[in-house]
């Protein structure tokens, strides 16, 4: 397992936008160095050697480099012996026909590796767009910034089920080290328990890519705001879907899919305990889902209750597991009224 050699970029929770603004304004700038891919190798000490130098690399940056540039699948990279991983990095590095840029923080850690050239949008001009939102959560690290909000412009919050007060807002992400392009998705908040679900592209998504260095930050912020307002115009469709979830039970196919996706994120034992389902019942459910005559049968699992449990489970984890579960909760809004699920 290579994980022990690399430093994980631990996120911190930030209280409010003013604190985040202070962090971003006072943080030392990231630096970059262009690296010959054929010079990169992983030393026995776990340090990344490059251009005749060596430095520690973040776990997230190493995964990004070997998966996207060396084309080594992450599960494979974790399982193979260390000497074979070292050999693959050297040999596959010789086949990369473009330069790589390493991105460093002020401690000299290689935070990330990007193709050719780091092109990012600063977070400062974008976080201003959320000053009138009710901020629910801010997470920040060298990996990037995530802001989750409720948008007060929607007026009153709605209550699809008695006691389940729900608001609609934004899940915003941006990375100044090249992990993400700036983007935003519609976010559903269950306010009593602070559960969140990230909606799919069907319900609106904003993403901006930078194709060249040197940008007009004000222009980018205006464009992002326009796209954001357009995305949030799906409020009516979302409330309609949420209201129908309370009166429906999952089909066999839907229930098997949700439990399987959850178990991929956190493990089957955790899923069985959290959803209060016996392992044998889970296996029987999956077996029935593969049978045409049973897959559309109704189960005992209410759509809204399982949705709440999925998003509640997400609260127990940090990213990327947290995001996977919140996205799964968002996908439940796309379950067809008749039972089939959206792929």
C-alpha atoms as a PDB file:
ATOM      1  CA  UNK A   1       0.000   0.000   0.000  1.00  0.00           C
ATOM      2  CA  UNK A   2       1.522   3.285  -1.116  1.00  0.00           C
ATOM      3  CA  UNK A   3      -0.794   5.461   1.034  1.00  0.00           C
ATOM      4  CA  UNK A   4       1.628   5.541   3.976  1.00  0.00           C
ATOM      5  CA  UNK A   5       4.291   7.397   1.966  1.00  0.00           C
ATOM      6  CA  UNK A   6       2.206  10.465   1.153  1.00  0.00           C
ATOM      7  CA  UNK A   7       0.728  13.323   3.124  1.00  0.00           C
ATOM      8  CA  UNK A   8      -3.056  13.626   3.040  1.00  0.00           C
ATOM      9  CA  UNK A   9      -4.461  17.113   2.493  1.00  0.00           C
ATOM     10  CA  UNK A  10      -6.590  17.359   5.619  1.00  0.00           C
ATOM     11  CA  UNK A  11      -9.577  19.701   5.256  1.00  0.00           C
ATOM     12  CA  UNK A  12     -10.534  22.223   7.902  1.00  0.00           C
ATOM     13  CA  UNK A  13     -14.022  23.528   8.529  1.00  0.00           C
ATOM     14  CA  UNK A  14     -14.239  27.321   8.268  1.00  0.00           C
ATOM     15  CA  UNK A  15     -16.800  29.281  10.281  1.00  0.00           C
ATOM     16  CA  UNK A  16     -17.950  31.847   7.709  1.00  0.00           C
ATOM     17  CA  UNK A  17     -17.107  33.664   4.490  1.00  0.00           C
ATOM     18  CA  UNK A  18     -15.142  36.386   6.308  1.00  0.00           C
ATOM     19  CA  UNK A  19     -12.831  33.794   7.845  1.00  0.00           C
ATOM     20  CA  UNK A  20     -12.442  32.080   4.470  1.00  0.00           C
ATOM     21  CA  UNK A  21     -11.668  35.408   2.828  1.00  0.00           C
ATOM     22  CA  UNK A  22      -8.947  36.034   5.398  1.00  0.00           C
ATOM     23  CA  UNK A  23      -7.418  32.606   4.770  1.00  0.00           C
ATOM     24  CA  UNK A  24      -7.361  33.140   1.006  1.00  0.00           C
ATOM     25  CA  UNK A  25      -5.976  36.689   1.232  1.00  0.00           C
ATOM     26  CA  UNK A  26      -3.167  35.777   3.641  1.00  0.00           C
ATOM     27  CA  UNK A  27      -2.179  32.385   2.253  1.00  0.00           C
ATOM     28  CA  UNK A  28       1.253  32.319   0.586  1.00  0.00           C
ATOM     29  CA  UNK A  29       0.919  31.827  -3.185  1.00  0.00           C
ATOM     30  CA  UNK A  30       1.312  28.393  -4.723  1.00  0.00           C
ATOM     31  CA  UNK A  31       4.373  27.944  -6.917  1.00  0.00           C
ATOM     32  CA  UNK A  32       4.925  25.679  -9.908  1.00  0.00           C
ATOM     33  CA  UNK A  33       7.832  23.936 -11.593  1.00  0.00           C
ATOM     34  CA  UNK A  34       7.805  22.322 -15.029  1.00  0.00           C
ATOM     35  CA  UNK A  35       8.962  18.716 -14.814  1.00  0.00           C
ATOM     36  CA  UNK A  36      10.217  16.265 -17.424  1.00  0.00           C
ATOM     37  CA  UNK A  37       7.888  13.214 -16.991  1.00  0.00           C
ATOM     38  CA  UNK A  38      10.762  10.824 -17.727  1.00  0.00           C
ATOM     39  CA  UNK A  39      12.671  12.210 -14.722  1.00  0.00           C
ATOM     40  CA  UNK A  40       9.937  11.281 -12.221  1.00  0.00           C
ATOM     41  CA  UNK A  41      10.367   8.248 -10.022  1.00  0.00           C
ATOM     42  CA  UNK A  42       9.229   7.136  -6.576  1.00  0.00           C
ATOM     43  CA  UNK A  43      12.128   6.536  -4.206  1.00  0.00           C
ATOM     44  CA  UNK A  44      12.285   3.797  -1.593  1.00  0.00           C
ATOM     45  CA  UNK A  45      11.896   6.537   1.019  1.00  0.00           C
ATOM     46  CA  UNK A  46       8.509   7.510  -0.458  1.00  0.00           C
ATOM     47  CA  UNK A  47       9.766  10.810  -1.862  1.00  0.00           C
ATOM     48  CA  UNK A  48       9.096  11.857  -5.450  1.00  0.00           C
ATOM     49  CA  UNK A  49      12.295  12.388  -7.440  1.00  0.00           C
ATOM     50  CA  UNK A  50      12.143  14.849 -10.366  1.00  0.00           C
ATOM     51  CA  UNK A  51      14.558  17.033 -12.327  1.00  0.00           C
ATOM     52  CA  UNK A  52      17.395  15.831 -10.078  1.00  0.00           C
ATOM     53  CA  UNK A  53      15.494  16.899  -6.911  1.00  0.00           C
ATOM     54  CA  UNK A  54      13.138  15.153  -4.523  1.00  0.00           C
ATOM     55  CA  UNK A  55      10.209  16.151  -2.337  1.00  0.00           C
ATOM     56  CA  UNK A  56       7.241  14.723  -0.482  1.00  0.00           C
ATOM     57  CA  UNK A  57       3.968  14.628  -2.425  1.00  0.00           C
ATOM     58  CA  UNK A  58       0.369  14.753  -1.241  1.00  0.00           C
ATOM     59  CA  UNK A  59      -1.643  11.549  -1.415  1.00  0.00           C
ATOM     60  CA  UNK A  60      -4.280  13.269  -3.539  1.00  0.00           C
ATOM     61  CA  UNK A  61      -1.667  14.674  -5.912  1.00  0.00           C
ATOM     62  CA  UNK A  62       0.032  11.304  -6.315  1.00  0.00           C
ATOM     63  CA  UNK A  63      -3.267   9.587  -7.129  1.00  0.00           C
ATOM     64  CA  UNK A  64      -4.072  12.282  -9.675  1.00  0.00           C
ATOM     65  CA  UNK A  65      -0.651  11.959 -11.322  1.00  0.00           C
ATOM     66  CA  UNK A  66      -0.507   8.181 -11.643  1.00  0.00           C
ATOM     67  CA  UNK A  67      -4.145   7.838 -12.744  1.00  0.00           C
ATOM     68  CA  UNK A  68      -4.452  10.702 -15.242  1.00  0.00           C
ATOM     69  CA  UNK A  69      -0.883  10.880 -16.575  1.00  0.00           C
ATOM     70  CA  UNK A  70       0.739   7.490 -16.069  1.00  0.00           C
ATOM     71  CA  UNK A  71      -2.593   5.769 -16.712  1.00  0.00           C
ATOM     72  CA  UNK A  72      -2.233   3.389 -13.777  1.00  0.00           C
ATOM     73  CA  UNK A  73      -5.699   2.587 -12.333  1.00  0.00           C
ATOM     74  CA  UNK A  74      -5.834   3.562  -8.655  1.00  0.00           C
ATOM     75  CA  UNK A  75      -7.047   0.172  -7.324  1.00  0.00           C
ATOM     76  CA  UNK A  76      -4.238  -1.526  -9.275  1.00  0.00           C
ATOM     77  CA  UNK A  77      -1.631   0.966  -8.023  1.00  0.00           C
ATOM     78  CA  UNK A  78      -2.664   0.271  -4.418  1.00  0.00           C
ATOM     79  CA  UNK A  79      -2.413  -3.497  -4.714  1.00  0.00           C
ATOM     80  CA  UNK A  80       0.767  -4.072  -6.663  1.00  0.00           C
ATOM     81  CA  UNK A  81       4.160  -4.437  -4.931  1.00  0.00           C
ATOM     82  CA  UNK A  82       6.133  -1.252  -4.343  1.00  0.00           C
ATOM     83  CA  UNK A  83       8.910  -2.201  -6.743  1.00  0.00           C
ATOM     84  CA  UNK A  84       6.412  -2.839  -9.561  1.00  0.00           C
ATOM     85  CA  UNK A  85       4.725   0.536  -8.935  1.00  0.00           C
ATOM     86  CA  UNK A  86       8.146   2.223  -9.053  1.00  0.00           C
ATOM     87  CA  UNK A  87       8.971   0.438 -12.311  1.00  0.00           C
ATOM     88  CA  UNK A  88       5.642   1.412 -13.914  1.00  0.00           C
ATOM     89  CA  UNK A  89       6.086   5.089 -13.025  1.00  0.00           C
ATOM     90  CA  UNK A  90       9.525   5.136 -14.647  1.00  0.00           C
ATOM     91  CA  UNK A  91       8.554   3.213 -17.787  1.00  0.00           C
ATOM     92  CA  UNK A  92       5.187   4.907 -18.348  1.00  0.00           C
ATOM     93  CA  UNK A  93       6.772   8.297 -17.664  1.00  0.00           C
ATOM     94  CA  UNK A  94       8.878   7.791 -20.790  1.00  0.00           C
ATOM     95  CA  UNK A  95       5.673   7.588 -22.877  1.00  0.00           C
ATOM     96  CA  UNK A  96       4.203  10.915 -21.670  1.00  0.00           C
ATOM     97  CA  UNK A  97       4.688  13.381 -24.513  1.00  0.00           C
ATOM     98  CA  UNK A  98       3.832  16.603 -22.685  1.00  0.00           C
ATOM     99  CA  UNK A  99       5.441  18.464 -19.777  1.00  0.00           C
ATOM    100  CA  UNK A 100       4.032  18.198 -16.274  1.00  0.00           C
ATOM    101  CA  UNK A 101       3.839  21.003 -13.734  1.00  0.00           C
ATOM    102  CA  UNK A 102       4.221  20.262 -10.054  1.00  0.00           C
ATOM    103  CA  UNK A 103       2.261  22.613  -7.768  1.00  0.00           C
ATOM    104  CA  UNK A 104       3.924  23.380  -4.414  1.00  0.00           C
ATOM    105  CA  UNK A 105       2.612  24.952  -1.218  1.00  0.00           C
ATOM    106  CA  UNK A 106       4.793  27.163   0.973  1.00  0.00           C
ATOM    107  CA  UNK A 107       6.070  24.124   2.910  1.00  0.00           C
ATOM    108  CA  UNK A 108       7.572  22.622  -0.251  1.00  0.00           C
ATOM    109  CA  UNK A 109       4.985  19.842  -0.463  1.00  0.00           C
ATOM    110  CA  UNK A 110       4.048  18.785  -3.996  1.00  0.00           C
ATOM    111  CA  UNK A 111       0.314  19.364  -3.691  1.00  0.00           C
ATOM    112  CA  UNK A 112      -0.608  18.294  -7.224  1.00  0.00           C
ATOM    113  CA  UNK A 113       0.664  17.487 -10.702  1.00  0.00           C
ATOM    114  CA  UNK A 114      -1.087  18.994 -13.725  1.00  0.00           C
ATOM    115  CA  UNK A 115      -0.728  18.551 -17.465  1.00  0.00           C
ATOM    116  CA  UNK A 116       1.373  21.179 -19.206  1.00  0.00           C
ATOM    117  CA  UNK A 117       0.399  24.279 -17.224  1.00  0.00           C
ATOM    118  CA  UNK A 118      -1.593  25.216 -14.103  1.00  0.00           C
ATOM    119  CA  UNK A 119      -4.670  27.209 -15.131  1.00  0.00           C
ATOM    120  CA  UNK A 120      -7.018  28.149 -12.331  1.00  0.00           C
ATOM    121  CA  UNK A 121      -9.501  30.806 -11.256  1.00  0.00           C
ATOM    122  CA  UNK A 122      -8.888  32.389  -7.825  1.00  0.00           C
ATOM    123  CA  UNK A 123     -11.641  31.658  -5.309  1.00  0.00           C
ATOM    124  CA  UNK A 124     -11.820  35.193  -3.872  1.00  0.00           C
ATOM    125  CA  UNK A 125     -13.892  36.828  -6.655  1.00  0.00           C
ATOM    126  CA  UNK A 126     -16.242  33.843  -6.730  1.00  0.00           C
ATOM    127  CA  UNK A 127     -17.041  33.562  -3.016  1.00  0.00           C
ATOM    128  CA  UNK A 128     -18.509  37.078  -3.148  1.00  0.00           C
ATOM    129  CA  UNK A 129     -21.446  35.558  -5.049  1.00  0.00           C
ATOM    130  CA  UNK A 130     -22.553  33.782  -1.876  1.00  0.00           C
ATOM    131  CA  UNK A 131     -22.538  36.743   0.519  1.00  0.00           C
ATOM    132  CA  UNK A 132     -26.364  36.883   0.478  1.00  0.00           C
ATOM    133  CA  UNK A 133     -26.732  33.145   0.961  1.00  0.00           C
ATOM    134  CA  UNK A 134     -27.179  31.346   4.256  1.00  0.00           C
ATOM    135  CA  UNK A 135     -23.890  29.475   4.535  1.00  0.00           C
ATOM    136  CA  UNK A 136     -24.257  25.969   5.975  1.00  0.00           C
ATOM    137  CA  UNK A 137     -20.735  24.584   5.604  1.00  0.00           C
ATOM    138  CA  UNK A 138     -17.302  25.712   4.364  1.00  0.00           C
ATOM    139  CA  UNK A 139     -14.432  23.259   3.957  1.00  0.00           C
ATOM    140  CA  UNK A 140     -10.966  24.345   2.846  1.00  0.00           C
ATOM    141  CA  UNK A 141      -7.541  22.795   2.254  1.00  0.00           C
ATOM    142  CA  UNK A 142      -4.770  22.833  -0.342  1.00  0.00           C
ATOM    143  CA  UNK A 143      -7.067  20.452  -2.243  1.00  0.00           C
ATOM    144  CA  UNK A 144      -9.640  23.192  -2.739  1.00  0.00           C
ATOM    145  CA  UNK A 145     -12.593  25.092  -1.300  1.00  0.00           C
ATOM    146  CA  UNK A 146     -16.153  23.838  -0.865  1.00  0.00           C
ATOM    147  CA  UNK A 147     -19.047  26.106   0.151  1.00  0.00           C
ATOM    148  CA  UNK A 148     -22.542  24.757   0.800  1.00  0.00           C
ATOM    149  CA  UNK A 149     -25.377  27.262   1.156  1.00  0.00           C
ATOM    150  CA  UNK A 150     -29.095  27.890   1.193  1.00  0.00           C
ATOM    151  CA  UNK A 151     -30.254  30.546  -1.248  1.00  0.00           C
ATOM    152  CA  UNK A 152     -32.652  32.999   0.479  1.00  0.00           C
ATOM    153  CA  UNK A 153     -33.948  34.268  -2.884  1.00  0.00           C
ATOM    154  CA  UNK A 154     -36.232  31.218  -2.994  1.00  0.00           C
ATOM    155  CA  UNK A 155     -38.281  32.711  -0.168  1.00  0.00           C
ATOM    156  CA  UNK A 156     -39.937  30.296   2.215  1.00  0.00           C
ATOM    157  CA  UNK A 157     -38.428  26.873   2.749  1.00  0.00           C
ATOM    158  CA  UNK A 158     -40.741  23.953   2.042  1.00  0.00           C
ATOM    159  CA  UNK A 159     -41.808  20.955   4.109  1.00  0.00           C
ATOM    160  CA  UNK A 160     -42.352  17.784   2.022  1.00  0.00           C
ATOM    161  CA  UNK A 161     -42.993  15.786   5.210  1.00  0.00           C
ATOM    162  CA  UNK A 162     -44.118  17.137   8.568  1.00  0.00           C
ATOM    163  CA  UNK A 163     -41.071  18.261  10.512  1.00  0.00           C
ATOM    164  CA  UNK A 164     -38.735  17.861   7.535  1.00  0.00           C
ATOM    165  CA  UNK A 165     -38.050  21.508   6.711  1.00  0.00           C
ATOM    166  CA  UNK A 166     -36.076  21.661   3.489  1.00  0.00           C
ATOM    167  CA  UNK A 167     -34.154  24.413   1.711  1.00  0.00           C
ATOM    168  CA  UNK A 168     -32.454  24.650  -1.664  1.00  0.00           C
ATOM    169  CA  UNK A 169     -29.043  26.138  -2.196  1.00  0.00           C
ATOM    170  CA  UNK A 170     -25.665  25.645  -3.824  1.00  0.00           C
ATOM    171  CA  UNK A 171     -22.709  23.294  -3.530  1.00  0.00           C
ATOM    172  CA  UNK A 172     -19.737  25.336  -4.806  1.00  0.00           C
ATOM    173  CA  UNK A 173     -16.242  23.971  -5.381  1.00  0.00           C
ATOM    174  CA  UNK A 174     -13.009  25.447  -6.665  1.00  0.00           C
ATOM    175  CA  UNK A 175      -9.361  24.420  -6.528  1.00  0.00           C
ATOM    176  CA  UNK A 176      -6.414  26.752  -6.979  1.00  0.00           C
ATOM    177  CA  UNK A 177      -4.095  23.754  -7.228  1.00  0.00           C
ATOM    178  CA  UNK A 178      -5.712  22.146 -10.271  1.00  0.00           C
ATOM    179  CA  UNK A 179      -7.852  19.393  -8.764  1.00  0.00           C
ATOM    180  CA  UNK A 180     -11.185  20.949  -9.813  1.00  0.00           C
ATOM    181  CA  UNK A 181     -12.449  23.590 -12.172  1.00  0.00           C
ATOM    182  CA  UNK A 182     -14.800  26.042 -10.445  1.00  0.00           C
ATOM    183  CA  UNK A 183     -18.305  24.639 -10.414  1.00  0.00           C
ATOM    184  CA  UNK A 184     -21.630  24.616  -8.634  1.00  0.00           C
ATOM    185  CA  UNK A 185     -24.511  22.203  -8.250  1.00  0.00           C
ATOM    186  CA  UNK A 186     -27.969  22.493  -6.764  1.00  0.00           C
ATOM    187  CA  UNK A 187     -27.951  21.331  -3.146  1.00  0.00           C
ATOM    188  CA  UNK A 188     -30.918  20.153  -1.068  1.00  0.00           C
ATOM    189  CA  UNK A 189     -30.691  20.684   2.687  1.00  0.00           C
ATOM    190  CA  UNK A 190     -32.809  18.918   5.302  1.00  0.00           C
ATOM    191  CA  UNK A 191     -32.480  21.635   7.896  1.00  0.00           C
ATOM    192  CA  UNK A 192     -33.459  19.762  11.063  1.00  0.00           C
ATOM    193  CA  UNK A 193     -30.599  17.267  10.682  1.00  0.00           C
ATOM    194  CA  UNK A 194     -28.297  19.224   8.305  1.00  0.00           C
ATOM    195  CA  UNK A 195     -28.343  16.469   5.670  1.00  0.00           C
ATOM    196  CA  UNK A 196     -27.417  17.497   2.143  1.00  0.00           C
ATOM    197  CA  UNK A 197     -27.932  16.021  -1.329  1.00  0.00           C
ATOM    198  CA  UNK A 198     -26.095  17.173  -4.460  1.00  0.00           C
ATOM    199  CA  UNK A 199     -28.332  17.265  -7.516  1.00  0.00           C
ATOM    200  CA  UNK A 200     -27.325  15.916 -10.916  1.00  0.00           C
ATOM    201  CA  UNK A 201     -26.761  17.854 -14.130  1.00  0.00           C
ATOM    202  CA  UNK A 202     -30.421  17.360 -15.012  1.00  0.00           C
ATOM    203  CA  UNK A 203     -31.354  19.765 -12.221  1.00  0.00           C
ATOM    204  CA  UNK A 204     -28.652  22.258 -13.090  1.00  0.00           C
ATOM    205  CA  UNK A 205     -24.884  22.466 -12.963  1.00  0.00           C
ATOM    206  CA  UNK A 206     -22.293  25.178 -13.533  1.00  0.00           C
ATOM    207  CA  UNK A 207     -18.747  24.410 -14.581  1.00  0.00           C
ATOM    208  CA  UNK A 208     -16.103  26.729 -15.989  1.00  0.00           C
ATOM    209  CA  UNK A 209     -12.835  25.696 -17.639  1.00  0.00           C
ATOM    210  CA  UNK A 210      -9.803  27.892 -18.117  1.00  0.00           C
ATOM    211  CA  UNK A 211      -8.131  27.290 -21.472  1.00  0.00           C
ATOM    212  CA  UNK A 212      -5.427  29.906 -21.165  1.00  0.00           C
ATOM    213  CA  UNK A 213      -3.517  31.665 -18.375  1.00  0.00           C
ATOM    214  CA  UNK A 214      -4.369  35.257 -17.534  1.00  0.00           C
ATOM    215  CA  UNK A 215      -8.047  35.998 -16.868  1.00  0.00           C
ATOM    216  CA  UNK A 216     -10.293  38.920 -16.021  1.00  0.00           C
ATOM    217  CA  UNK A 217     -11.549  37.943 -12.572  1.00  0.00           C
ATOM    218  CA  UNK A 218     -14.563  40.301 -12.657  1.00  0.00           C
ATOM    219  CA  UNK A 219     -15.647  38.928 -16.027  1.00  0.00           C
ATOM    220  CA  UNK A 220     -15.370  35.368 -14.770  1.00  0.00           C
ATOM    221  CA  UNK A 221     -17.417  36.225 -11.667  1.00  0.00           C
ATOM    222  CA  UNK A 222     -20.183  37.813 -13.776  1.00  0.00           C
ATOM    223  CA  UNK A 223     -20.344  34.822 -16.105  1.00  0.00           C
ATOM    224  CA  UNK A 224     -20.397  32.434 -13.163  1.00  0.00           C
ATOM    225  CA  UNK A 225     -23.199  34.403 -11.481  1.00  0.00           C
ATOM    226  CA  UNK A 226     -25.311  34.339 -14.662  1.00  0.00           C
ATOM    227  CA  UNK A 227     -24.908  30.564 -14.983  1.00  0.00           C
ATOM    228  CA  UNK A 228     -25.623  30.135 -11.281  1.00  0.00           C
ATOM    229  CA  UNK A 229     -28.927  32.002 -11.476  1.00  0.00           C
ATOM    230  CA  UNK A 230     -29.956  29.958 -14.509  1.00  0.00           C
ATOM    231  CA  UNK A 231     -29.107  26.727 -12.675  1.00  0.00           C
ATOM    232  CA  UNK A 232     -31.225  27.642  -9.671  1.00  0.00           C
ATOM    233  CA  UNK A 233     -34.308  28.220 -11.824  1.00  0.00           C
ATOM    234  CA  UNK A 234     -35.184  24.517 -11.415  1.00  0.00           C
ATOM    235  CA  UNK A 235     -36.672  25.133  -7.959  1.00  0.00           C
ATOM    236  CA  UNK A 236     -40.203  24.120  -9.028  1.00  0.00           C
ATOM    237  CA  UNK A 237     -39.130  20.786 -10.498  1.00  0.00           C
ATOM    238  CA  UNK A 238     -37.110  19.929  -7.397  1.00  0.00           C
ATOM    239  CA  UNK A 239     -39.947  20.663  -4.950  1.00  0.00           C
ATOM    240  CA  UNK A 240     -42.331  18.636  -7.095  1.00  0.00           C
ATOM    241  CA  UNK A 241     -39.982  15.640  -7.024  1.00  0.00           C
ATOM    242  CA  UNK A 242     -39.348  16.000  -3.292  1.00  0.00           C
ATOM    243  CA  UNK A 243     -43.075  16.033  -2.542  1.00  0.00           C
ATOM    244  CA  UNK A 244     -43.667  12.798  -4.496  1.00  0.00           C
ATOM    245  CA  UNK A 245     -40.847  10.981  -2.671  1.00  0.00           C
ATOM    246  CA  UNK A 246     -42.776  10.874   0.603  1.00  0.00           C
ATOM    247  CA  UNK A 247     -45.647   8.826  -0.881  1.00  0.00           C
ATOM    248  CA  UNK A 248     -43.622   6.168  -2.693  1.00  0.00           C
ATOM    249  CA  UNK A 249     -41.700   3.045  -1.818  1.00  0.00           C
ATOM    250  CA  UNK A 250     -38.601   1.904  -3.648  1.00  0.00           C
ATOM    251  CA  UNK A 251     -38.788  -0.893  -6.164  1.00  0.00           C
ATOM    252  CA  UNK A 252     -36.572  -3.943  -5.748  1.00  0.00           C
ATOM    253  CA  UNK A 253     -34.259  -2.624  -8.482  1.00  0.00           C
ATOM    254  CA  UNK A 254     -33.987   0.837  -6.939  1.00  0.00           C
ATOM    255  CA  UNK A 255     -33.394  -0.424  -3.410  1.00  0.00           C
ATOM    256  CA  UNK A 256     -30.692  -2.869  -4.547  1.00  0.00           C
ATOM    257  CA  UNK A 257     -28.961  -0.107  -6.513  1.00  0.00           C
ATOM    258  CA  UNK A 258     -28.966   2.345  -3.579  1.00  0.00           C
ATOM    259  CA  UNK A 259     -27.671  -0.188  -1.045  1.00  0.00           C
ATOM    260  CA  UNK A 260     -24.987  -1.383  -3.464  1.00  0.00           C
ATOM    261  CA  UNK A 261     -23.835   2.191  -4.255  1.00  0.00           C
ATOM    262  CA  UNK A 262     -23.725   3.005  -0.533  1.00  0.00           C
ATOM    263  CA  UNK A 263     -21.732  -0.134   0.250  1.00  0.00           C
ATOM    264  CA  UNK A 264     -19.190   0.778  -2.432  1.00  0.00           C
ATOM    265  CA  UNK A 265     -18.635   4.054  -0.599  1.00  0.00           C
ATOM    266  CA  UNK A 266     -18.510   2.884   3.033  1.00  0.00           C
ATOM    267  CA  UNK A 267     -18.578  -0.932   3.081  1.00  0.00           C
ATOM    268  CA  UNK A 268     -21.387  -3.457   3.427  1.00  0.00           C
ATOM    269  CA  UNK A 269     -21.179  -3.765   7.228  1.00  0.00           C
ATOM    270  CA  UNK A 270     -21.734  -0.029   7.672  1.00  0.00           C
ATOM    271  CA  UNK A 271     -24.623  -0.046   5.190  1.00  0.00           C
ATOM    272  CA  UNK A 272     -26.394  -2.986   6.852  1.00  0.00           C
ATOM    273  CA  UNK A 273     -26.099  -1.324  10.265  1.00  0.00           C
ATOM    274  CA  UNK A 274     -27.140   2.140   9.063  1.00  0.00           C
ATOM    275  CA  UNK A 275     -30.092   1.026   6.930  1.00  0.00           C
ATOM    276  CA  UNK A 276     -30.997  -1.786   9.360  1.00  0.00           C
ATOM    277  CA  UNK A 277     -30.946  -4.483   6.710  1.00  0.00           C
ATOM    278  CA  UNK A 278     -29.718  -8.041   7.278  1.00  0.00           C
ATOM    279  CA  UNK A 279     -26.881  -9.204   5.001  1.00  0.00           C
ATOM    280  CA  UNK A 280     -28.903 -12.179   3.804  1.00  0.00           C
ATOM    281  CA  UNK A 281     -31.846  -9.893   3.016  1.00  0.00           C
ATOM    282  CA  UNK A 282     -29.464  -7.655   1.079  1.00  0.00           C
ATOM    283  CA  UNK A 283     -28.213 -10.609  -0.966  1.00  0.00           C
ATOM    284  CA  UNK A 284     -31.796 -11.744  -1.637  1.00  0.00           C
ATOM    285  CA  UNK A 285     -32.733  -8.216  -2.719  1.00  0.00           C
ATOM    286  CA  UNK A 286     -29.854  -8.064  -5.204  1.00  0.00           C
ATOM    287  CA  UNK A 287     -30.745 -11.489  -6.555  1.00  0.00           C
ATOM    288  CA  UNK A 288     -34.379 -10.422  -7.112  1.00  0.00           C
ATOM    289  CA  UNK A 289     -33.225  -7.207  -8.822  1.00  0.00           C
ATOM    290  CA  UNK A 290     -31.590  -9.322 -11.517  1.00  0.00           C
ATOM    291  CA  UNK A 291     -34.868 -11.070 -12.320  1.00  0.00           C
ATOM    292  CA  UNK A 292     -37.132  -9.333 -14.826  1.00  0.00           C
ATOM    293  CA  UNK A 293     -40.300 -10.561 -13.089  1.00  0.00           C
ATOM    294  CA  UNK A 294     -39.285  -9.150  -9.682  1.00  0.00           C
ATOM    295  CA  UNK A 295     -37.207  -6.014 -10.294  1.00  0.00           C
ATOM    296  CA  UNK A 296     -40.191  -3.629 -10.375  1.00  0.00           C
ATOM    297  CA  UNK A 297     -41.917  -5.028  -7.314  1.00  0.00           C
ATOM    298  CA  UNK A 298     -42.471  -2.591  -4.474  1.00  0.00           C
ATOM    299  CA  UNK A 299     -40.372  -2.976  -1.322  1.00  0.00           C
ATOM    300  CA  UNK A 300     -41.016  -1.878   2.257  1.00  0.00           C
ATOM    301  CA  UNK A 301     -38.473   0.957   1.912  1.00  0.00           C
ATOM    302  CA  UNK A 302     -39.988   4.425   1.617  1.00  0.00           C
ATOM    303  CA  UNK A 303     -38.148   6.651  -0.898  1.00  0.00           C
ATOM    304  CA  UNK A 304     -37.990   9.675   1.386  1.00  0.00           C
ATOM    305  CA  UNK A 305     -36.844   7.686   4.415  1.00  0.00           C
ATOM    306  CA  UNK A 306     -34.017   5.999   2.496  1.00  0.00           C
ATOM    307  CA  UNK A 307     -33.071   9.338   0.926  1.00  0.00           C
ATOM    308  CA  UNK A 308     -32.770  10.808   4.443  1.00  0.00           C
ATOM    309  CA  UNK A 309     -30.646   7.885   5.604  1.00  0.00           C
ATOM    310  CA  UNK A 310     -28.289   8.184   2.621  1.00  0.00           C
ATOM    311  CA  UNK A 311     -27.696  11.881   3.210  1.00  0.00           C
ATOM    312  CA  UNK A 312     -27.437  11.348   6.972  1.00  0.00           C
ATOM    313  CA  UNK A 313     -24.755   8.717   6.380  1.00  0.00           C
ATOM    314  CA  UNK A 314     -22.786  11.283   4.358  1.00  0.00           C
ATOM    315  CA  UNK A 315     -22.472  13.462   7.466  1.00  0.00           C
ATOM    316  CA  UNK A 316     -20.252  10.811   9.065  1.00  0.00           C
ATOM    317  CA  UNK A 317     -17.516  11.226   6.439  1.00  0.00           C
ATOM    318  CA  UNK A 318     -15.263  13.783   4.788  1.00  0.00           C
ATOM    319  CA  UNK A 319     -14.767  14.105   1.029  1.00  0.00           C
ATOM    320  CA  UNK A 320     -14.597  12.208  -1.256  1.00  0.00           C
ATOM    321  CA  UNK A 321     -16.909   9.696   0.501  1.00  0.00           C
ATOM    322  CA  UNK A 322     -19.172  12.470   1.754  1.00  0.00           C
ATOM    323  CA  UNK A 323     -19.620  13.794  -1.771  1.00  0.00           C
ATOM    324  CA  UNK A 324     -20.289  10.317  -3.222  1.00  0.00           C
ATOM    325  CA  UNK A 325     -23.152   9.800  -0.783  1.00  0.00           C
ATOM    326  CA  UNK A 326     -24.556  13.306  -1.294  1.00  0.00           C
ATOM    327  CA  UNK A 327     -24.517  12.726  -5.061  1.00  0.00           C
ATOM    328  CA  UNK A 328     -26.288   9.398  -4.513  1.00  0.00           C
ATOM    329  CA  UNK A 329     -28.969  11.246  -2.542  1.00  0.00           C
ATOM    330  CA  UNK A 330     -29.332  13.676  -5.445  1.00  0.00           C
ATOM    331  CA  UNK A 331     -29.711  10.829  -7.939  1.00  0.00           C
ATOM    332  CA  UNK A 332     -32.724   9.584  -5.985  1.00  0.00           C
ATOM    333  CA  UNK A 333     -34.620  12.582  -7.350  1.00  0.00           C
ATOM    334  CA  UNK A 334     -34.307  10.989 -10.787  1.00  0.00           C
ATOM    335  CA  UNK A 335     -35.954   7.699  -9.881  1.00  0.00           C
ATOM    336  CA  UNK A 336     -38.744   7.192 -12.375  1.00  0.00           C
ATOM    337  CA  UNK A 337     -42.244   7.364 -10.905  1.00  0.00           C
ATOM    338  CA  UNK A 338     -42.874   3.841 -12.277  1.00  0.00           C
ATOM    339  CA  UNK A 339     -39.773   2.354 -10.713  1.00  0.00           C
ATOM    340  CA  UNK A 340     -36.801   2.341 -13.102  1.00  0.00           C
ATOM    341  CA  UNK A 341     -33.700   4.218 -12.115  1.00  0.00           C
ATOM    342  CA  UNK A 342     -31.680   6.733 -14.126  1.00  0.00           C
ATOM    343  CA  UNK A 343     -28.198   5.532 -15.006  1.00  0.00           C
END
